[in-house]
């Protein structure tokens, strides 16, 4: 079988609504960066018997995903598109404690399973300079283990 490169722009990211199992695609992304090394914690195991070699264990694994694009709102209502609105809802300033957890799923169109994260959401800086379209960004930080589901 031939190997084919995956285009980042084809990745699909969806946010779950308040109705479990109902997902909204996060629209108009310009960049998507998944960092599987985020929030990794290590325990150093090096001691005098290590013969000068570094030794460690991974004690905690984490991951994050940064979504970004240009800010876009409906010209009549001023509201963002539904998927972006869900991300912004998930990042609401009153979302604290257990209310700060939302679910996201993502995959490439050739993948047969979704990766699903319970995660926190933090919006990035908005704005830009005189001749720029306003920026939009969000950081999704995994909380707990990754689960998967078959693509229906």
N, C-alpha and C. Protein backbone atom coordinates (compact mmCIF):
# COMPACT_ATOMS: atom_id res chain seq x y z
N UNK A 1 0.84 -1.18 0.00
CA UNK A 1 0.00 0.00 0.00
C UNK A 1 0.89 1.25 0.00
N UNK A 2 0.54 2.22 -0.80
CA UNK A 2 1.31 3.45 -0.90
C UNK A 2 1.04 4.35 0.30
N UNK A 3 2.04 5.06 0.69
CA UNK A 3 1.92 6.03 1.77
C UNK A 3 1.52 7.38 1.19
N UNK A 4 0.57 8.05 1.83
CA UNK A 4 0.08 9.34 1.35
C UNK A 4 0.15 10.35 2.49
N UNK A 5 0.69 11.51 2.22
CA UNK A 5 0.77 12.56 3.22
C UNK A 5 -0.62 13.06 3.59
N UNK A 6 -0.77 13.49 4.82
CA UNK A 6 -2.05 14.02 5.30
C UNK A 6 -1.97 15.54 5.30
N UNK A 7 -2.93 16.17 4.64
CA UNK A 7 -2.98 17.63 4.62
C UNK A 7 -3.65 18.12 5.90
N UNK A 8 -2.99 19.03 6.60
CA UNK A 8 -3.54 19.57 7.85
C UNK A 8 -4.91 20.20 7.61
N UNK A 9 -5.09 20.82 6.46
CA UNK A 9 -6.35 21.52 6.19
C UNK A 9 -7.54 20.59 6.07
N UNK A 10 -7.29 19.29 5.92
CA UNK A 10 -8.39 18.33 5.82
C UNK A 10 -8.89 17.83 7.19
N UNK A 11 -8.16 18.14 8.24
CA UNK A 11 -8.55 17.66 9.57
C UNK A 11 -9.94 18.19 9.94
N UNK A 12 -10.70 17.36 10.61
CA UNK A 12 -12.05 17.71 11.06
C UNK A 12 -12.03 17.79 12.58
N UNK A 13 -12.50 18.89 13.12
CA UNK A 13 -12.62 19.08 14.57
C UNK A 13 -14.06 19.42 14.87
N UNK A 14 -14.64 18.73 15.84
CA UNK A 14 -16.02 18.98 16.22
C UNK A 14 -16.13 19.15 17.73
N UNK A 15 -17.06 20.00 18.14
CA UNK A 15 -17.36 20.24 19.55
C UNK A 15 -18.75 19.69 19.84
N UNK A 16 -18.88 19.00 20.97
CA UNK A 16 -20.18 18.45 21.35
C UNK A 16 -21.04 19.54 21.96
N UNK A 17 -22.32 19.53 21.62
CA UNK A 17 -23.26 20.49 22.17
C UNK A 17 -23.74 20.01 23.54
N UNK A 18 -24.67 20.74 24.14
CA UNK A 18 -25.24 20.33 25.42
C UNK A 18 -26.12 19.09 25.29
N UNK A 19 -26.43 18.70 24.06
CA UNK A 19 -27.15 17.45 23.80
C UNK A 19 -26.11 16.37 23.51
N UNK A 20 -25.87 15.43 24.43
CA UNK A 20 -24.84 14.42 24.21
C UNK A 20 -25.01 13.70 22.88
N UNK A 21 -23.88 13.53 22.19
CA UNK A 21 -23.90 12.86 20.89
C UNK A 21 -24.20 13.76 19.72
N UNK A 22 -24.44 15.05 19.98
CA UNK A 22 -24.67 16.03 18.91
C UNK A 22 -23.41 16.87 18.78
N UNK A 23 -22.82 16.84 17.60
CA UNK A 23 -21.53 17.48 17.37
C UNK A 23 -21.65 18.58 16.32
N UNK A 24 -20.88 19.64 16.49
CA UNK A 24 -20.82 20.73 15.53
C UNK A 24 -19.38 20.88 15.02
N UNK A 25 -19.23 20.92 13.71
CA UNK A 25 -17.90 21.12 13.13
C UNK A 25 -17.42 22.54 13.43
N UNK A 26 -16.16 22.67 13.83
CA UNK A 26 -15.57 23.98 14.07
C UNK A 26 -15.11 24.50 12.71
N UNK A 27 -15.74 25.58 12.28
CA UNK A 27 -15.59 26.09 10.92
C UNK A 27 -14.40 27.03 10.75
N UNK A 28 -13.99 27.16 9.49
CA UNK A 28 -13.04 28.18 9.03
C UNK A 28 -11.72 28.22 9.81
N UNK A 29 -11.16 27.05 10.07
CA UNK A 29 -9.86 27.02 10.73
C UNK A 29 -8.77 27.30 9.71
N UNK A 30 -7.76 28.04 10.13
CA UNK A 30 -6.60 28.31 9.28
C UNK A 30 -5.39 27.51 9.74
N UNK A 31 -5.34 27.20 11.04
CA UNK A 31 -4.28 26.36 11.57
C UNK A 31 -4.85 25.44 12.64
N UNK A 32 -4.22 24.28 12.75
CA UNK A 32 -4.57 23.29 13.76
C UNK A 32 -3.26 22.66 14.20
N UNK A 33 -2.96 22.76 15.48
CA UNK A 33 -1.73 22.18 16.00
C UNK A 33 -2.06 21.30 17.18
N UNK A 34 -1.75 20.01 17.07
CA UNK A 34 -1.96 19.07 18.17
C UNK A 34 -0.60 18.80 18.80
N UNK A 35 -0.52 19.01 20.12
CA UNK A 35 0.73 18.79 20.84
C UNK A 35 0.54 17.63 21.81
N UNK A 36 0.95 16.41 21.43
CA UNK A 36 0.77 15.26 22.32
C UNK A 36 1.71 15.26 23.52
N UNK A 37 2.66 16.20 23.57
CA UNK A 37 3.61 16.28 24.68
C UNK A 37 3.23 17.31 25.73
N UNK A 38 2.10 17.97 25.56
CA UNK A 38 1.66 18.99 26.52
C UNK A 38 1.33 18.34 27.86
N UNK A 39 1.75 18.93 28.94
CA UNK A 39 1.45 18.50 30.31
C UNK A 39 2.02 17.13 30.65
N UNK A 40 3.10 16.74 30.00
CA UNK A 40 3.79 15.51 30.36
C UNK A 40 4.62 15.79 31.62
N UNK A 41 4.54 14.89 32.57
CA UNK A 41 5.34 15.00 33.80
C UNK A 41 6.25 13.79 33.89
N UNK A 42 7.49 14.05 34.24
CA UNK A 42 8.50 12.99 34.31
C UNK A 42 9.01 12.85 35.74
N UNK A 43 9.38 11.63 36.10
CA UNK A 43 10.06 11.38 37.36
C UNK A 43 11.48 10.95 37.02
N UNK A 44 12.44 11.68 37.53
CA UNK A 44 13.84 11.35 37.29
C UNK A 44 14.21 10.16 38.17
N UNK A 45 14.79 9.14 37.57
CA UNK A 45 15.16 7.92 38.27
C UNK A 45 16.68 7.75 38.36
N UNK A 46 17.41 8.74 37.88
CA UNK A 46 18.86 8.64 37.87
C UNK A 46 19.40 8.61 39.30
N UNK A 47 20.31 7.67 39.55
CA UNK A 47 20.99 7.61 40.85
C UNK A 47 22.44 7.18 40.63
N UNK A 48 23.15 6.95 41.71
CA UNK A 48 24.57 6.61 41.60
C UNK A 48 24.80 5.32 40.82
N UNK A 49 23.80 4.44 40.77
CA UNK A 49 23.94 3.17 40.07
C UNK A 49 23.58 3.26 38.59
N UNK A 50 23.27 4.45 38.09
CA UNK A 50 22.85 4.64 36.70
C UNK A 50 24.02 4.70 35.74
N UNK A 51 25.23 4.59 36.24
CA UNK A 51 26.44 4.57 35.42
C UNK A 51 26.54 5.79 34.51
N UNK A 52 26.10 6.93 35.01
CA UNK A 52 26.20 8.18 34.26
C UNK A 52 25.13 8.37 33.21
N UNK A 53 24.17 7.45 33.14
CA UNK A 53 23.10 7.56 32.15
C UNK A 53 21.86 8.14 32.82
N UNK A 54 21.18 9.02 32.10
CA UNK A 54 19.92 9.59 32.59
C UNK A 54 18.83 8.52 32.54
N UNK A 55 18.00 8.45 33.57
CA UNK A 55 16.87 7.52 33.61
C UNK A 55 15.63 8.27 34.06
N UNK A 56 14.49 7.94 33.45
CA UNK A 56 13.24 8.57 33.85
C UNK A 56 12.06 7.66 33.59
N UNK A 57 10.93 8.02 34.20
CA UNK A 57 9.63 7.43 33.91
C UNK A 57 8.70 8.57 33.53
N UNK A 58 7.78 8.30 32.62
CA UNK A 58 6.70 9.24 32.37
C UNK A 58 5.64 8.96 33.42
N UNK A 59 5.29 9.96 34.20
CA UNK A 59 4.31 9.80 35.27
C UNK A 59 2.93 10.32 34.88
N UNK A 60 2.89 11.20 33.91
CA UNK A 60 1.62 11.80 33.47
C UNK A 60 1.75 12.16 32.01
N UNK A 61 0.72 11.87 31.25
CA UNK A 61 0.69 12.28 29.85
C UNK A 61 -0.46 13.26 29.65
N UNK A 62 -0.31 14.14 28.71
CA UNK A 62 -1.34 15.10 28.39
C UNK A 62 -1.28 15.43 26.92
N UNK A 63 -2.11 16.35 26.50
CA UNK A 63 -2.11 16.79 25.11
C UNK A 63 -2.92 18.07 25.01
N UNK A 64 -2.66 18.82 23.97
CA UNK A 64 -3.45 20.03 23.70
C UNK A 64 -3.59 20.20 22.20
N UNK A 65 -4.55 21.02 21.84
CA UNK A 65 -4.82 21.33 20.44
C UNK A 65 -5.09 22.83 20.35
N UNK A 66 -4.38 23.50 19.47
CA UNK A 66 -4.61 24.93 19.26
C UNK A 66 -5.30 25.09 17.91
N UNK A 67 -6.45 25.74 17.94
CA UNK A 67 -7.22 26.06 16.74
C UNK A 67 -7.10 27.55 16.50
N UNK A 68 -6.92 27.95 15.26
CA UNK A 68 -6.91 29.39 14.99
C UNK A 68 -7.41 29.66 13.58
N UNK A 69 -7.84 30.88 13.39
CA UNK A 69 -8.34 31.32 12.10
C UNK A 69 -8.67 32.80 12.19
N UNK A 70 -9.47 33.24 11.26
CA UNK A 70 -9.90 34.63 11.25
C UNK A 70 -11.28 34.71 11.89
N UNK A 71 -11.51 35.79 12.62
CA UNK A 71 -12.80 35.95 13.26
C UNK A 71 -13.85 36.23 12.19
N UNK A 72 -14.97 35.54 12.29
CA UNK A 72 -16.04 35.68 11.31
C UNK A 72 -17.37 35.60 12.03
N UNK A 73 -18.23 36.59 11.80
CA UNK A 73 -19.54 36.63 12.43
C UNK A 73 -20.62 36.89 11.39
N UNK A 74 -21.83 36.45 11.69
CA UNK A 74 -22.99 36.69 10.83
C UNK A 74 -23.21 38.20 10.70
N UNK A 75 -23.37 38.68 9.48
CA UNK A 75 -23.51 40.14 9.27
C UNK A 75 -24.79 40.70 9.88
N UNK A 76 -25.83 39.89 10.04
CA UNK A 76 -27.09 40.39 10.60
C UNK A 76 -27.13 40.27 12.13
N UNK A 77 -26.67 39.12 12.65
CA UNK A 77 -26.79 38.89 14.10
C UNK A 77 -25.52 39.18 14.88
N UNK A 78 -24.38 39.20 14.20
CA UNK A 78 -23.11 39.39 14.88
C UNK A 78 -22.61 38.14 15.58
N UNK A 79 -23.30 37.03 15.41
CA UNK A 79 -22.93 35.79 16.08
C UNK A 79 -21.96 34.97 15.23
N UNK A 80 -21.07 34.22 15.88
CA UNK A 80 -20.19 33.33 15.12
C UNK A 80 -20.96 32.14 14.58
N UNK A 81 -20.34 31.41 13.66
CA UNK A 81 -20.93 30.19 13.13
C UNK A 81 -21.11 29.19 14.28
N UNK A 82 -22.01 28.21 14.12
CA UNK A 82 -22.38 27.33 15.23
C UNK A 82 -21.22 26.60 15.92
N UNK A 83 -20.29 26.04 15.16
CA UNK A 83 -19.18 25.33 15.77
C UNK A 83 -18.28 26.24 16.58
N UNK A 84 -17.98 27.39 16.02
CA UNK A 84 -17.17 28.38 16.75
C UNK A 84 -17.92 28.88 17.96
N UNK A 85 -19.24 29.08 17.83
CA UNK A 85 -20.04 29.53 18.97
C UNK A 85 -19.98 28.50 20.10
N UNK A 86 -19.98 27.20 19.75
CA UNK A 86 -19.89 26.16 20.78
C UNK A 86 -18.54 26.21 21.49
N UNK A 87 -17.46 26.41 20.73
CA UNK A 87 -16.14 26.54 21.35
C UNK A 87 -16.13 27.73 22.31
N UNK A 88 -16.70 28.85 21.88
CA UNK A 88 -16.73 30.03 22.74
C UNK A 88 -17.59 29.79 23.97
N UNK A 89 -18.70 29.06 23.80
CA UNK A 89 -19.54 28.70 24.95
C UNK A 89 -18.75 27.83 25.92
N UNK A 90 -17.99 26.87 25.40
CA UNK A 90 -17.20 25.99 26.24
C UNK A 90 -16.14 26.75 27.04
N UNK A 91 -15.70 27.88 26.51
CA UNK A 91 -14.67 28.69 27.16
C UNK A 91 -15.26 29.82 28.00
N UNK A 92 -16.56 29.80 28.23
CA UNK A 92 -17.23 30.88 28.95
C UNK A 92 -16.57 31.21 30.28
N UNK A 93 -16.56 32.50 30.62
CA UNK A 93 -15.87 32.95 31.84
C UNK A 93 -16.47 32.36 33.11
N UNK A 94 -17.70 31.89 33.07
CA UNK A 94 -18.32 31.27 34.24
C UNK A 94 -18.17 29.75 34.25
N UNK A 95 -17.45 29.19 33.28
CA UNK A 95 -17.24 27.74 33.20
C UNK A 95 -16.06 27.37 34.09
N UNK A 96 -16.36 26.99 35.32
CA UNK A 96 -15.34 26.64 36.29
C UNK A 96 -15.59 25.23 36.82
N UNK A 97 -14.56 24.62 37.39
CA UNK A 97 -14.71 23.29 37.95
C UNK A 97 -15.20 22.31 36.90
N UNK A 98 -16.14 21.44 37.30
CA UNK A 98 -16.63 20.42 36.36
C UNK A 98 -17.32 21.03 35.16
N UNK A 99 -17.83 22.26 35.29
CA UNK A 99 -18.47 22.93 34.15
C UNK A 99 -17.46 23.38 33.09
N UNK A 100 -16.16 23.33 33.43
CA UNK A 100 -15.14 23.76 32.47
C UNK A 100 -14.76 22.64 31.50
N UNK A 101 -15.33 21.46 31.67
CA UNK A 101 -15.02 20.32 30.80
C UNK A 101 -16.04 20.22 29.67
N UNK A 102 -15.54 20.07 28.46
CA UNK A 102 -16.38 19.88 27.27
C UNK A 102 -15.77 18.72 26.49
N UNK A 103 -16.50 18.24 25.49
CA UNK A 103 -15.98 17.15 24.67
C UNK A 103 -15.73 17.62 23.24
N UNK A 104 -14.61 17.16 22.70
CA UNK A 104 -14.21 17.44 21.33
C UNK A 104 -13.82 16.12 20.67
N UNK A 105 -14.04 16.04 19.37
CA UNK A 105 -13.54 14.89 18.62
C UNK A 105 -12.88 15.41 17.35
N UNK A 106 -11.92 14.62 16.86
CA UNK A 106 -11.19 15.04 15.66
C UNK A 106 -10.65 13.83 14.92
N UNK A 107 -10.44 14.04 13.62
CA UNK A 107 -9.91 12.99 12.75
C UNK A 107 -9.58 13.58 11.39
N UNK A 108 -8.87 12.81 10.60
CA UNK A 108 -8.65 13.11 9.19
C UNK A 108 -9.71 12.32 8.42
N UNK A 109 -10.18 12.78 7.27
CA UNK A 109 -11.21 12.06 6.51
C UNK A 109 -10.86 10.60 6.19
N UNK A 110 -9.57 10.25 6.09
CA UNK A 110 -9.21 8.86 5.82
C UNK A 110 -9.22 7.98 7.07
N UNK A 111 -9.29 8.59 8.25
CA UNK A 111 -9.31 7.81 9.48
C UNK A 111 -10.69 7.18 9.68
N UNK A 112 -10.71 6.00 10.25
CA UNK A 112 -11.97 5.30 10.47
C UNK A 112 -12.49 5.46 11.90
N UNK A 113 -11.72 6.13 12.73
CA UNK A 113 -12.16 6.40 14.11
C UNK A 113 -11.93 7.85 14.46
N UNK A 114 -12.79 8.34 15.34
CA UNK A 114 -12.62 9.66 15.95
C UNK A 114 -11.75 9.50 17.19
N UNK A 115 -10.89 10.46 17.47
CA UNK A 115 -10.27 10.60 18.79
C UNK A 115 -11.16 11.57 19.55
N UNK A 116 -11.51 11.22 20.77
CA UNK A 116 -12.42 12.04 21.57
C UNK A 116 -11.71 12.45 22.86
N UNK A 117 -11.75 13.74 23.13
CA UNK A 117 -11.16 14.28 24.36
C UNK A 117 -12.23 14.94 25.21
N UNK A 118 -12.17 14.70 26.51
CA UNK A 118 -12.79 15.62 27.47
C UNK A 118 -11.70 16.65 27.70
N UNK A 119 -12.07 17.92 27.68
CA UNK A 119 -11.03 18.95 27.67
C UNK A 119 -11.55 20.27 28.23
N UNK A 120 -10.60 21.11 28.61
CA UNK A 120 -10.92 22.49 28.94
C UNK A 120 -10.67 23.34 27.69
N UNK A 121 -11.27 24.52 27.66
CA UNK A 121 -11.18 25.40 26.50
C UNK A 121 -10.82 26.80 26.97
N UNK A 122 -9.80 27.37 26.37
CA UNK A 122 -9.39 28.74 26.65
C UNK A 122 -9.29 29.47 25.32
N UNK A 123 -9.99 30.61 25.21
CA UNK A 123 -9.91 31.40 23.98
C UNK A 123 -8.60 32.15 23.93
N UNK A 124 -8.09 32.34 22.71
CA UNK A 124 -6.86 33.09 22.52
C UNK A 124 -7.15 34.57 22.28
N UNK A 125 -6.10 35.29 22.00
CA UNK A 125 -6.22 36.72 21.75
C UNK A 125 -7.00 36.96 20.47
N UNK A 126 -7.75 38.05 20.46
CA UNK A 126 -8.49 38.47 19.26
C UNK A 126 -7.94 39.81 18.82
N UNK A 127 -8.18 40.12 17.56
CA UNK A 127 -7.76 41.43 17.07
C UNK A 127 -6.79 41.31 15.92
N UNK A 128 -6.03 42.39 15.70
CA UNK A 128 -5.07 42.44 14.61
C UNK A 128 -4.67 43.88 14.34
N UNK A 129 -3.86 44.07 13.33
CA UNK A 129 -3.42 45.42 13.01
C UNK A 129 -4.36 46.07 12.00
N UNK A 130 -4.00 47.24 11.53
CA UNK A 130 -4.86 48.06 10.67
C UNK A 130 -5.38 47.33 9.44
N UNK A 131 -4.55 46.55 8.79
CA UNK A 131 -4.93 45.92 7.53
C UNK A 131 -5.14 44.41 7.65
N UNK A 132 -5.46 43.95 8.86
CA UNK A 132 -5.64 42.52 9.07
C UNK A 132 -7.10 42.19 9.36
N UNK A 133 -7.48 40.98 9.01
CA UNK A 133 -8.76 40.45 9.45
C UNK A 133 -8.55 40.00 10.89
N UNK A 134 -9.53 40.24 11.74
CA UNK A 134 -9.40 39.89 13.15
C UNK A 134 -9.06 38.43 13.36
N UNK A 135 -8.23 38.16 14.35
CA UNK A 135 -7.80 36.81 14.66
C UNK A 135 -8.76 36.14 15.64
N UNK A 136 -8.83 34.82 15.56
CA UNK A 136 -9.62 34.00 16.47
C UNK A 136 -8.79 32.78 16.81
N UNK A 137 -8.77 32.36 18.09
CA UNK A 137 -8.01 31.17 18.47
C UNK A 137 -8.59 30.58 19.74
N UNK A 138 -8.35 29.29 19.90
CA UNK A 138 -8.74 28.59 21.13
C UNK A 138 -7.74 27.48 21.39
N UNK A 139 -7.46 27.24 22.66
CA UNK A 139 -6.62 26.12 23.07
C UNK A 139 -7.49 25.11 23.80
N UNK A 140 -7.46 23.89 23.31
CA UNK A 140 -8.21 22.78 23.87
C UNK A 140 -7.19 21.91 24.60
N UNK A 141 -7.35 21.72 25.91
CA UNK A 141 -6.40 20.94 26.69
C UNK A 141 -7.07 19.68 27.22
N UNK A 142 -6.55 18.53 26.80
CA UNK A 142 -7.13 17.24 27.17
C UNK A 142 -7.11 17.07 28.69
N UNK A 143 -8.21 16.52 29.22
CA UNK A 143 -8.34 16.23 30.64
C UNK A 143 -8.82 14.79 30.78
N UNK A 144 -7.94 13.88 31.10
CA UNK A 144 -8.31 12.47 31.18
C UNK A 144 -7.78 11.71 29.98
N UNK A 145 -8.26 10.49 29.83
CA UNK A 145 -7.79 9.61 28.76
C UNK A 145 -8.52 9.88 27.45
N UNK A 146 -7.83 9.66 26.35
CA UNK A 146 -8.44 9.74 25.03
C UNK A 146 -9.30 8.51 24.83
N UNK A 147 -10.51 8.74 24.29
CA UNK A 147 -11.36 7.62 23.87
C UNK A 147 -11.52 7.69 22.36
N UNK A 148 -12.11 6.66 21.78
CA UNK A 148 -12.32 6.65 20.35
C UNK A 148 -13.73 6.18 20.03
N UNK A 149 -14.18 6.49 18.83
CA UNK A 149 -15.47 6.03 18.34
C UNK A 149 -15.35 5.83 16.84
N UNK A 150 -16.03 4.83 16.35
CA UNK A 150 -16.03 4.58 14.91
C UNK A 150 -16.72 5.71 14.18
N UNK A 151 -16.24 6.01 12.98
CA UNK A 151 -16.89 7.00 12.14
C UNK A 151 -18.18 6.37 11.61
N UNK A 152 -19.29 7.06 11.82
CA UNK A 152 -20.59 6.52 11.37
C UNK A 152 -20.87 6.90 9.93
